[in-house]
Protein backbone atom coordinates (compact mmCIF):
# COMPACT_ATOMS: atom_id res chain seq x y z
CA UNK A 1 182.74 -168.35 -139.17
CA UNK A 2 181.18 -167.59 -142.51
CA UNK A 3 178.90 -170.31 -143.96
CA UNK A 4 177.30 -170.87 -147.35
CA UNK A 5 173.51 -170.71 -147.25
CA UNK A 6 170.87 -171.70 -149.79
CA UNK A 7 167.38 -170.25 -149.60
CA UNK A 8 164.39 -171.71 -151.41
CA UNK A 9 160.71 -170.93 -151.38
CA UNK A 10 158.61 -173.99 -150.58
CA UNK A 11 154.93 -173.16 -150.64
CA UNK A 12 154.39 -170.40 -147.96
CA UNK A 13 157.82 -170.81 -146.28
CA UNK A 14 161.39 -169.89 -147.09
CA UNK A 15 163.75 -172.70 -146.27
CA UNK A 16 167.35 -171.89 -145.40
CA UNK A 17 170.11 -174.45 -145.48
CA UNK A 18 173.67 -174.11 -144.16
CA UNK A 19 175.89 -176.25 -146.46
CA UNK A 20 178.87 -176.52 -144.08
CA UNK A 21 176.93 -177.69 -141.10
CA UNK A 22 173.96 -179.46 -142.63
CA UNK A 23 171.62 -177.34 -140.57
CA UNK A 24 168.19 -176.34 -141.94
CA UNK A 25 165.54 -173.84 -140.74
CA UNK A 26 162.56 -171.86 -142.17
CA UNK A 27 160.73 -168.66 -141.91
CA UNK A 28 157.83 -166.77 -143.46
CA UNK A 29 160.22 -164.22 -144.96
CA UNK A 30 163.80 -164.45 -146.26
CA UNK A 31 165.05 -162.44 -143.34
CA UNK A 32 163.20 -164.58 -140.80
CA UNK A 33 164.49 -167.78 -142.41
CA UNK A 34 168.08 -166.43 -142.27
CA UNK A 35 167.67 -165.35 -138.65
CA UNK A 36 166.28 -168.73 -137.66
CA UNK A 37 169.10 -170.49 -139.57
CA UNK A 38 171.70 -168.48 -137.72
CA UNK A 39 170.12 -169.35 -134.34
CA UNK A 40 169.88 -173.07 -135.32
CA UNK A 41 173.54 -173.09 -136.50
CA UNK A 42 174.80 -171.40 -133.31
CA UNK A 43 172.83 -173.88 -131.15
CA UNK A 44 174.19 -176.73 -133.22
CA UNK A 45 177.75 -175.68 -132.62
CA UNK A 46 177.18 -174.77 -128.99
CA UNK A 47 175.68 -178.22 -128.28
CA UNK A 48 178.65 -180.16 -129.70
CA UNK A 49 181.86 -178.10 -129.60
CA UNK A 50 183.84 -181.03 -131.05
CA UNK A 51 181.90 -180.69 -134.26
CA UNK A 52 184.06 -177.61 -134.97
CA UNK A 53 187.16 -179.73 -134.79
CA UNK A 54 185.69 -182.38 -137.11
CA UNK A 55 184.56 -179.75 -139.64
CA UNK A 56 188.01 -178.20 -139.77
CA UNK A 57 189.57 -181.60 -140.48
CA UNK A 58 186.97 -182.63 -143.10
CA UNK A 59 186.84 -179.37 -145.01
CA UNK A 60 183.99 -177.49 -146.56
CA UNK A 61 181.58 -178.80 -149.30
CA UNK A 62 182.23 -177.90 -152.90
CA UNK A 63 179.46 -176.00 -154.67
CA UNK A 64 179.32 -176.38 -158.45
CA UNK A 65 176.85 -176.63 -161.23
CA UNK A 66 175.52 -179.55 -163.24
CA UNK A 67 174.24 -179.53 -166.84
CA UNK A 68 171.28 -181.81 -167.48
CA UNK A 69 169.80 -182.66 -170.82
CA UNK A 70 166.02 -182.95 -170.97
CA UNK A 71 163.16 -183.04 -173.40
């Protein structure tokens, strides 16, 4: 399974989010955050195998952009 991840820097931590599963983790480096996210996502799916069936019936989130006027 290939998932979409978003990484952001929040103070001293990198926060990694898996869009398809709604799982979030963090690490002191990008690599650590990704590794921790992979582990968290695998545990999430292992803990509730039926979530995989639900995900396949619901579909994946759509990622797009939004233009905002300011100032």
